[in-house]
N, C-alpha and C. Protein backbone atom coordinates (compact mmCIF):
# COMPACT_ATOMS: atom_id res chain seq x y z
N MET A 1 9.70 -5.39 -54.30
CA MET A 1 8.92 -6.28 -53.47
C MET A 1 8.82 -5.68 -52.07
N ILE A 2 7.66 -5.70 -51.51
CA ILE A 2 7.40 -5.16 -50.18
C ILE A 2 7.61 -6.26 -49.15
N GLU A 3 8.40 -5.94 -48.16
CA GLU A 3 8.64 -6.90 -47.09
C GLU A 3 7.60 -6.70 -46.00
N GLN A 4 6.95 -7.75 -45.62
CA GLN A 4 5.96 -7.67 -44.55
C GLN A 4 6.55 -8.22 -43.27
N ARG A 5 6.33 -7.49 -42.21
CA ARG A 5 6.75 -7.96 -40.90
C ARG A 5 5.51 -8.11 -40.05
N ARG A 6 5.47 -9.17 -39.33
CA ARG A 6 4.34 -9.38 -38.44
C ARG A 6 4.88 -9.52 -37.02
N LEU A 7 4.31 -8.73 -36.16
CA LEU A 7 4.69 -8.86 -34.76
C LEU A 7 4.05 -10.11 -34.19
N GLU A 8 4.81 -10.83 -33.43
CA GLU A 8 4.31 -12.06 -32.85
C GLU A 8 3.36 -11.72 -31.70
N ALA A 9 2.14 -12.18 -31.80
CA ALA A 9 1.16 -11.92 -30.75
C ALA A 9 1.54 -12.69 -29.49
N ASN A 10 1.44 -12.00 -28.36
CA ASN A 10 1.73 -12.60 -27.06
C ASN A 10 3.09 -13.29 -27.04
N ALA A 11 4.11 -12.56 -27.46
CA ALA A 11 5.47 -13.10 -27.50
C ALA A 11 6.08 -13.22 -26.11
N GLY A 12 5.42 -12.70 -25.10
CA GLY A 12 5.93 -12.78 -23.74
C GLY A 12 5.85 -11.43 -23.06
N PRO A 13 6.27 -11.38 -21.82
CA PRO A 13 6.22 -10.11 -21.08
C PRO A 13 7.22 -9.10 -21.66
N LEU A 14 6.84 -7.84 -21.59
CA LEU A 14 7.68 -6.75 -22.08
C LEU A 14 8.12 -5.88 -20.91
N THR A 15 9.28 -5.28 -21.05
CA THR A 15 9.69 -4.28 -20.07
C THR A 15 8.93 -3.00 -20.37
N ASN A 16 8.86 -2.12 -19.39
CA ASN A 16 8.21 -0.82 -19.62
C ASN A 16 8.94 -0.04 -20.70
N PHE A 17 10.27 -0.21 -20.78
CA PHE A 17 11.05 0.44 -21.83
C PHE A 17 10.56 0.00 -23.21
N GLU A 18 10.32 -1.29 -23.38
CA GLU A 18 9.85 -1.82 -24.67
C GLU A 18 8.45 -1.30 -25.00
N VAL A 19 7.61 -1.14 -23.99
CA VAL A 19 6.26 -0.60 -24.22
C VAL A 19 6.36 0.86 -24.66
N ILE A 20 7.20 1.65 -24.01
CA ILE A 20 7.40 3.04 -24.43
C ILE A 20 7.89 3.09 -25.86
N LYS A 21 8.87 2.26 -26.17
CA LYS A 21 9.43 2.22 -27.52
C LYS A 21 8.34 1.89 -28.55
N PHE A 22 7.49 0.93 -28.23
CA PHE A 22 6.40 0.56 -29.12
C PHE A 22 5.41 1.71 -29.30
N LEU A 23 5.03 2.34 -28.20
CA LEU A 23 4.07 3.45 -28.29
C LEU A 23 4.66 4.64 -29.05
N LYS A 24 5.95 4.89 -28.88
CA LYS A 24 6.59 5.95 -29.65
C LYS A 24 6.57 5.62 -31.14
N SER A 25 6.79 4.36 -31.47
CA SER A 25 6.77 3.96 -32.88
C SER A 25 5.39 4.15 -33.50
N ARG A 26 4.37 4.12 -32.67
CA ARG A 26 3.00 4.34 -33.15
C ARG A 26 2.64 5.82 -33.18
N GLY A 27 3.52 6.68 -32.64
CA GLY A 27 3.30 8.12 -32.71
C GLY A 27 2.83 8.77 -31.42
N ALA A 28 2.89 8.06 -30.32
CA ALA A 28 2.39 8.61 -29.05
C ALA A 28 3.15 9.85 -28.61
N SER A 29 4.43 9.94 -28.91
CA SER A 29 5.22 11.08 -28.44
C SER A 29 5.26 12.22 -29.45
N LYS A 30 4.78 11.99 -30.66
CA LYS A 30 4.91 12.99 -31.73
C LYS A 30 3.69 13.87 -31.91
N ASP A 31 2.57 13.48 -31.36
CA ASP A 31 1.32 14.21 -31.60
C ASP A 31 0.83 14.87 -30.32
N PRO A 32 1.23 16.13 -30.08
CA PRO A 32 0.80 16.80 -28.84
C PRO A 32 -0.71 17.02 -28.78
N SER A 33 -1.36 17.11 -29.94
CA SER A 33 -2.81 17.30 -29.95
C SER A 33 -3.55 16.01 -29.66
N ARG A 34 -2.86 14.89 -29.83
CA ARG A 34 -3.41 13.55 -29.60
C ARG A 34 -4.61 13.25 -30.49
N VAL A 35 -4.55 13.79 -31.70
CA VAL A 35 -5.63 13.56 -32.65
C VAL A 35 -5.10 12.87 -33.90
N LEU A 36 -3.92 13.25 -34.33
CA LEU A 36 -3.40 12.78 -35.61
C LEU A 36 -2.83 11.37 -35.58
N ALA A 37 -2.17 11.00 -34.51
CA ALA A 37 -1.53 9.69 -34.44
C ALA A 37 -2.56 8.58 -34.28
N ASP A 38 -2.18 7.40 -34.76
CA ASP A 38 -3.06 6.24 -34.67
C ASP A 38 -2.85 5.54 -33.32
N VAL A 39 -3.13 6.28 -32.26
CA VAL A 39 -2.93 5.78 -30.90
C VAL A 39 -4.23 6.00 -30.14
N SER A 40 -4.68 4.95 -29.46
CA SER A 40 -5.94 5.05 -28.73
C SER A 40 -5.74 5.85 -27.44
N PRO A 41 -6.83 6.39 -26.88
CA PRO A 41 -6.73 7.14 -25.61
C PRO A 41 -6.10 6.32 -24.48
N SER A 42 -6.42 5.04 -24.42
CA SER A 42 -5.84 4.22 -23.36
C SER A 42 -4.33 4.05 -23.56
N GLU A 43 -3.89 4.00 -24.81
CA GLU A 43 -2.45 3.90 -25.07
C GLU A 43 -1.75 5.20 -24.66
N TYR A 44 -2.41 6.34 -24.88
CA TYR A 44 -1.84 7.61 -24.43
C TYR A 44 -1.71 7.63 -22.91
N LYS A 45 -2.70 7.09 -22.22
CA LYS A 45 -2.64 7.06 -20.76
C LYS A 45 -1.48 6.19 -20.29
N VAL A 46 -1.29 5.06 -20.94
CA VAL A 46 -0.16 4.19 -20.60
C VAL A 46 1.15 4.92 -20.87
N TYR A 47 1.23 5.57 -22.02
CA TYR A 47 2.44 6.32 -22.38
C TYR A 47 2.71 7.43 -21.36
N ASP A 48 1.67 8.19 -21.01
CA ASP A 48 1.83 9.28 -20.03
C ASP A 48 2.33 8.76 -18.69
N TYR A 49 1.83 7.60 -18.28
CA TYR A 49 2.28 7.01 -17.03
C TYR A 49 3.75 6.58 -17.13
N LEU A 50 4.09 5.88 -18.20
CA LEU A 50 5.43 5.31 -18.32
C LEU A 50 6.53 6.36 -18.48
N VAL A 51 6.21 7.52 -19.06
CA VAL A 51 7.25 8.54 -19.20
C VAL A 51 7.60 9.18 -17.86
N GLU A 52 6.83 8.90 -16.83
CA GLU A 52 7.14 9.38 -15.48
C GLU A 52 7.90 8.34 -14.66
N THR A 53 8.20 7.19 -15.27
CA THR A 53 8.90 6.12 -14.56
C THR A 53 10.35 6.04 -15.04
N ALA A 54 11.10 5.15 -14.42
CA ALA A 54 12.51 4.97 -14.79
C ALA A 54 12.66 4.50 -16.24
N ALA A 55 11.63 3.89 -16.78
CA ALA A 55 11.71 3.35 -18.15
C ALA A 55 12.00 4.42 -19.18
N CYS A 56 11.57 5.65 -18.94
CA CYS A 56 11.78 6.70 -19.94
C CYS A 56 13.25 7.08 -20.07
N ASN A 57 14.06 6.80 -19.07
CA ASN A 57 15.49 7.11 -19.12
C ASN A 57 16.34 5.90 -19.49
N GLN A 58 15.72 4.74 -19.63
CA GLN A 58 16.47 3.53 -19.92
C GLN A 58 16.77 3.42 -21.41
N SER A 59 17.77 2.59 -21.70
CA SER A 59 18.09 2.25 -23.09
C SER A 59 18.27 0.73 -23.16
N GLN A 60 18.28 0.21 -24.36
CA GLN A 60 18.47 -1.23 -24.51
C GLN A 60 19.83 -1.63 -23.97
N GLU A 61 20.81 -0.75 -24.09
CA GLU A 61 22.16 -1.03 -23.58
C GLU A 61 22.14 -1.14 -22.05
N ASN A 62 21.40 -0.24 -21.38
CA ASN A 62 21.28 -0.32 -19.91
C ASN A 62 20.70 -1.66 -19.50
N ILE A 63 19.64 -2.03 -20.17
CA ILE A 63 18.94 -3.27 -19.82
C ILE A 63 19.83 -4.48 -20.06
N ASN A 64 20.50 -4.51 -21.22
CA ASN A 64 21.40 -5.63 -21.52
C ASN A 64 22.54 -5.72 -20.52
N GLU A 65 23.10 -4.57 -20.14
CA GLU A 65 24.18 -4.56 -19.15
C GLU A 65 23.68 -5.07 -17.80
N PHE A 66 22.49 -4.65 -17.41
CA PHE A 66 21.93 -5.13 -16.14
C PHE A 66 21.71 -6.64 -16.19
N LEU A 67 21.14 -7.13 -17.28
CA LEU A 67 20.89 -8.57 -17.40
C LEU A 67 22.20 -9.36 -17.33
N GLU A 68 23.24 -8.83 -17.94
CA GLU A 68 24.55 -9.50 -17.91
C GLU A 68 25.11 -9.52 -16.49
N LYS A 69 25.07 -8.38 -15.81
CA LYS A 69 25.64 -8.29 -14.46
C LYS A 69 24.81 -9.04 -13.42
N SER A 70 23.54 -9.29 -13.70
CA SER A 70 22.68 -9.95 -12.71
C SER A 70 22.61 -11.46 -12.90
N LYS A 71 23.31 -12.01 -13.88
CA LYS A 71 23.28 -13.46 -14.11
C LYS A 71 23.73 -14.25 -12.90
N LYS A 72 24.71 -13.73 -12.18
CA LYS A 72 25.26 -14.47 -11.04
C LYS A 72 24.28 -14.61 -9.88
N TYR A 73 23.19 -13.85 -9.89
CA TYR A 73 22.21 -13.92 -8.80
C TYR A 73 21.13 -14.96 -9.06
N ASP A 74 21.12 -15.54 -10.24
CA ASP A 74 20.18 -16.61 -10.60
C ASP A 74 18.72 -16.22 -10.32
N LEU A 75 18.31 -15.09 -10.89
CA LEU A 75 16.96 -14.58 -10.69
C LEU A 75 16.03 -15.10 -11.78
N ALA A 76 14.76 -15.26 -11.45
CA ALA A 76 13.76 -15.68 -12.42
C ALA A 76 13.47 -14.54 -13.39
N LYS A 77 12.95 -14.87 -14.56
CA LYS A 77 12.64 -13.85 -15.57
C LYS A 77 11.67 -12.80 -15.03
N ALA A 78 10.67 -13.25 -14.29
CA ALA A 78 9.68 -12.32 -13.72
C ALA A 78 10.34 -11.38 -12.72
N GLU A 79 11.29 -11.89 -11.94
CA GLU A 79 12.00 -11.05 -10.97
C GLU A 79 12.85 -10.01 -11.68
N LEU A 80 13.54 -10.43 -12.74
CA LEU A 80 14.35 -9.49 -13.52
C LEU A 80 13.47 -8.41 -14.15
N LEU A 81 12.34 -8.82 -14.68
CA LEU A 81 11.41 -7.88 -15.30
C LEU A 81 10.93 -6.84 -14.29
N ASN A 82 10.57 -7.29 -13.10
CA ASN A 82 10.14 -6.35 -12.05
C ASN A 82 11.25 -5.39 -11.66
N ILE A 83 12.46 -5.90 -11.53
CA ILE A 83 13.58 -5.04 -11.15
C ILE A 83 13.83 -3.98 -12.22
N ILE A 84 13.81 -4.39 -13.49
CA ILE A 84 14.03 -3.44 -14.59
C ILE A 84 12.91 -2.40 -14.61
N ASN A 85 11.68 -2.83 -14.45
CA ASN A 85 10.54 -1.91 -14.54
C ASN A 85 10.44 -0.96 -13.35
N ILE A 86 10.73 -1.45 -12.15
CA ILE A 86 10.53 -0.65 -10.94
C ILE A 86 11.81 0.06 -10.50
N ARG A 87 12.95 -0.52 -10.80
CA ARG A 87 14.26 0.02 -10.43
C ARG A 87 14.36 0.31 -8.93
N PRO A 88 14.39 -0.75 -8.12
CA PRO A 88 14.51 -0.54 -6.68
C PRO A 88 15.87 0.07 -6.34
N SER A 89 15.87 0.95 -5.36
CA SER A 89 17.13 1.59 -4.97
C SER A 89 17.50 1.29 -3.52
N THR A 90 16.71 0.44 -2.87
CA THR A 90 17.00 0.02 -1.50
C THR A 90 16.74 -1.48 -1.36
N PRO A 91 17.39 -2.12 -0.40
CA PRO A 91 17.14 -3.55 -0.19
C PRO A 91 15.67 -3.85 0.14
N VAL A 92 15.02 -2.96 0.85
CA VAL A 92 13.61 -3.18 1.22
C VAL A 92 12.75 -3.35 -0.03
N GLU A 93 12.97 -2.49 -1.01
CA GLU A 93 12.20 -2.60 -2.26
C GLU A 93 12.52 -3.90 -2.98
N LEU A 94 13.76 -4.32 -2.92
CA LEU A 94 14.18 -5.53 -3.61
C LEU A 94 13.58 -6.78 -2.97
N TYR A 95 13.47 -6.77 -1.64
CA TYR A 95 12.92 -7.93 -0.93
C TYR A 95 11.51 -8.26 -1.40
N SER A 96 10.73 -7.26 -1.75
CA SER A 96 9.35 -7.52 -2.18
C SER A 96 9.28 -8.06 -3.60
N MET A 97 10.37 -8.01 -4.33
CA MET A 97 10.37 -8.46 -5.73
C MET A 97 10.97 -9.84 -5.92
N ILE A 98 11.75 -10.29 -4.96
CA ILE A 98 12.46 -11.56 -5.11
C ILE A 98 11.93 -12.56 -4.09
N GLU A 99 11.45 -13.67 -4.60
CA GLU A 99 10.91 -14.72 -3.74
C GLU A 99 12.02 -15.31 -2.88
N GLN A 100 11.75 -15.45 -1.60
CA GLN A 100 12.71 -15.98 -0.63
C GLN A 100 14.07 -15.28 -0.76
N CYS A 101 14.00 -13.99 -0.81
CA CYS A 101 15.19 -13.16 -1.06
C CYS A 101 16.31 -13.43 -0.06
N ASP A 102 15.98 -13.48 1.20
CA ASP A 102 16.99 -13.69 2.24
C ASP A 102 17.71 -15.03 2.06
N ASP A 103 16.93 -16.08 1.78
CA ASP A 103 17.51 -17.41 1.61
C ASP A 103 18.37 -17.49 0.35
N ARG A 104 17.89 -16.89 -0.72
CA ARG A 104 18.57 -17.02 -2.01
C ARG A 104 19.75 -16.07 -2.18
N LEU A 105 19.62 -14.84 -1.69
CA LEU A 105 20.67 -13.85 -1.92
C LEU A 105 21.53 -13.57 -0.70
N GLY A 106 20.96 -13.71 0.48
CA GLY A 106 21.73 -13.46 1.70
C GLY A 106 22.34 -12.08 1.73
N ASP A 107 23.66 -12.04 1.88
CA ASP A 107 24.38 -10.76 2.00
C ASP A 107 24.57 -10.05 0.67
N THR A 108 24.26 -10.71 -0.43
CA THR A 108 24.49 -10.08 -1.74
C THR A 108 23.35 -9.16 -2.17
N VAL A 109 22.35 -8.98 -1.32
CA VAL A 109 21.23 -8.08 -1.65
C VAL A 109 21.75 -6.67 -1.87
N GLU A 110 22.60 -6.20 -0.97
CA GLU A 110 23.18 -4.85 -1.10
C GLU A 110 23.95 -4.72 -2.41
N GLU A 111 24.68 -5.77 -2.75
CA GLU A 111 25.47 -5.78 -3.99
C GLU A 111 24.55 -5.66 -5.20
N LEU A 112 23.44 -6.38 -5.19
CA LEU A 112 22.48 -6.31 -6.29
C LEU A 112 21.86 -4.92 -6.38
N VAL A 113 21.54 -4.33 -5.24
CA VAL A 113 21.00 -2.96 -5.24
C VAL A 113 22.01 -2.01 -5.87
N GLU A 114 23.28 -2.17 -5.53
CA GLU A 114 24.32 -1.32 -6.12
C GLU A 114 24.38 -1.48 -7.63
N VAL A 115 24.23 -2.71 -8.12
CA VAL A 115 24.23 -2.96 -9.57
C VAL A 115 23.04 -2.24 -10.21
N VAL A 116 21.87 -2.35 -9.59
CA VAL A 116 20.67 -1.70 -10.12
C VAL A 116 20.88 -0.19 -10.19
N VAL A 117 21.34 0.41 -9.11
CA VAL A 117 21.52 1.86 -9.04
C VAL A 117 22.60 2.32 -10.02
N GLU A 118 23.64 1.52 -10.16
CA GLU A 118 24.75 1.88 -11.05
C GLU A 118 24.35 1.78 -12.53
N VAL A 119 23.61 0.75 -12.90
CA VAL A 119 23.36 0.46 -14.32
C VAL A 119 22.06 1.08 -14.83
N LEU A 120 20.99 0.99 -14.06
CA LEU A 120 19.69 1.48 -14.54
C LEU A 120 19.49 2.93 -14.11
N PRO A 121 19.18 3.81 -15.05
CA PRO A 121 19.02 5.23 -14.70
C PRO A 121 17.79 5.47 -13.82
N PRO A 122 17.83 6.51 -12.99
CA PRO A 122 16.70 6.80 -12.09
C PRO A 122 15.52 7.40 -12.85
N PRO A 123 14.34 7.33 -12.25
CA PRO A 123 13.17 7.97 -12.88
C PRO A 123 13.33 9.49 -12.84
N PRO A 124 12.63 10.19 -13.72
CA PRO A 124 12.78 11.65 -13.76
C PRO A 124 12.36 12.33 -12.46
N THR A 125 11.37 11.82 -11.75
CA THR A 125 10.93 12.45 -10.51
C THR A 125 11.99 12.35 -9.43
N GLU A 126 12.76 11.26 -9.43
CA GLU A 126 13.82 11.10 -8.44
C GLU A 126 14.91 12.14 -8.66
N THR A 127 15.24 12.40 -9.91
CA THR A 127 16.23 13.42 -10.24
C THR A 127 15.73 14.79 -9.82
N ALA A 128 14.46 15.08 -10.11
CA ALA A 128 13.87 16.37 -9.74
C ALA A 128 13.82 16.52 -8.22
N ASN A 129 13.49 15.43 -7.52
CA ASN A 129 13.43 15.49 -6.06
C ASN A 129 14.80 15.78 -5.47
N GLU A 130 15.86 15.19 -6.05
CA GLU A 130 17.20 15.44 -5.55
C GLU A 130 17.55 16.91 -5.72
N GLU A 131 17.19 17.50 -6.86
CA GLU A 131 17.45 18.91 -7.09
C GLU A 131 16.61 19.76 -6.14
N GLY A 132 15.35 19.40 -5.96
CA GLY A 132 14.46 20.14 -5.07
C GLY A 132 14.91 20.06 -3.63
N THR A 133 15.47 18.92 -3.23
CA THR A 133 15.95 18.74 -1.87
C THR A 133 17.09 19.68 -1.58
N SER A 134 18.01 19.82 -2.54
CA SER A 134 19.14 20.71 -2.28
C SER A 134 18.67 22.16 -2.18
N GLU A 135 17.67 22.54 -2.99
CA GLU A 135 17.11 23.89 -2.89
C GLU A 135 16.42 24.08 -1.55
N ALA A 136 15.69 23.07 -1.11
CA ALA A 136 15.00 23.16 0.18
C ALA A 136 16.01 23.28 1.31
N ASN A 137 17.11 22.53 1.22
CA ASN A 137 18.15 22.61 2.24
C ASN A 137 18.76 24.00 2.28
N GLN A 138 18.99 24.60 1.11
CA GLN A 138 19.54 25.94 1.06
C GLN A 138 18.58 26.93 1.71
N GLU A 139 17.28 26.76 1.45
CA GLU A 139 16.28 27.65 2.03
C GLU A 139 16.25 27.50 3.55
N THR A 140 16.34 26.27 4.03
CA THR A 140 16.34 26.02 5.46
C THR A 140 17.55 26.65 6.11
N VAL A 141 18.69 26.48 5.48
CA VAL A 141 19.91 27.07 6.01
C VAL A 141 19.77 28.58 6.09
N THR A 142 19.20 29.18 5.07
CA THR A 142 19.00 30.62 5.06
C THR A 142 18.09 31.04 6.20
N LYS A 143 17.00 30.33 6.41
CA LYS A 143 16.09 30.65 7.51
C LYS A 143 16.78 30.49 8.86
N GLU A 144 17.58 29.44 8.99
CA GLU A 144 18.31 29.22 10.23
C GLU A 144 19.30 30.35 10.47
N ASN A 145 19.97 30.78 9.41
CA ASN A 145 20.93 31.89 9.54
C ASN A 145 20.23 33.16 9.99
N ILE A 146 19.07 33.43 9.44
CA ILE A 146 18.30 34.62 9.82
C ILE A 146 17.91 34.55 11.29
N GLU A 147 17.43 33.39 11.72
CA GLU A 147 17.05 33.22 13.12
C GLU A 147 18.25 33.44 14.04
N GLU A 148 19.40 32.89 13.64
CA GLU A 148 20.61 33.06 14.45
C GLU A 148 21.01 34.53 14.52
N GLN A 149 20.89 35.23 13.40
CA GLN A 149 21.23 36.65 13.37
C GLN A 149 20.31 37.44 14.31
N LYS A 150 19.01 37.10 14.28
CA LYS A 150 18.06 37.79 15.16
C LYS A 150 18.39 37.54 16.62
N ILE A 151 18.74 36.33 16.95
CA ILE A 151 19.09 35.99 18.33
C ILE A 151 20.34 36.75 18.74
N ASP A 152 21.34 36.78 17.84
CA ASP A 152 22.57 37.53 18.14
C ASP A 152 22.27 39.01 18.35
N GLU A 153 21.42 39.59 17.50
CA GLU A 153 21.06 41.00 17.64
C GLU A 153 20.34 41.26 18.96
N ASP A 154 19.41 40.36 19.31
CA ASP A 154 18.69 40.49 20.58
C ASP A 154 19.65 40.40 21.76
N ASN A 155 20.59 39.48 21.69
CA ASN A 155 21.58 39.34 22.77
C ASN A 155 22.43 40.59 22.90
N GLU A 156 22.81 41.18 21.76
CA GLU A 156 23.62 42.40 21.79
C GLU A 156 22.83 43.55 22.42
N LYS A 157 21.54 43.66 22.07
CA LYS A 157 20.69 44.72 22.63
C LYS A 157 20.56 44.56 24.13
N MET A 158 20.38 43.32 24.59
CA MET A 158 20.22 43.07 26.02
C MET A 158 21.52 43.32 26.77
N ALA A 159 22.63 43.11 26.12
CA ALA A 159 23.93 43.32 26.77
C ALA A 159 24.21 44.80 26.97
N LYS A 160 23.63 45.68 26.18
CA LYS A 160 23.87 47.13 26.27
C LYS A 160 23.09 47.71 27.36
């Protein structure tokens, strides 16, 4: 006997992680030619966008852990969804997602940001930027060292 499963239409809002998972199940990540899979061009565009966000590094365990740790903040479902999808890493970003944030959270905003940063993985571009920043800093240091060496050499020449 064949078991039929029907997805419930309009079951509610989805996290970006759930959308990626759904598109992968339809073959969006398996068909590099984008011809063989039963995925529309607009779905590929959504998939391409979402794999550049924090959602591509998330897991159901990350999301469940965040939801558990954020219960004490008494956030609305829409606020939780925005936090999971956008993954704010500063209080400023969080203020725009939570209605009357100052009144409701007060001093615990920093604490909530720490929970977000600790539990939800960063987007791939943030990781790449951190690596690129350290390389840029090394390059700057090297240029500064060269400039200092030139100044020292010039000073030595003038002293002679």
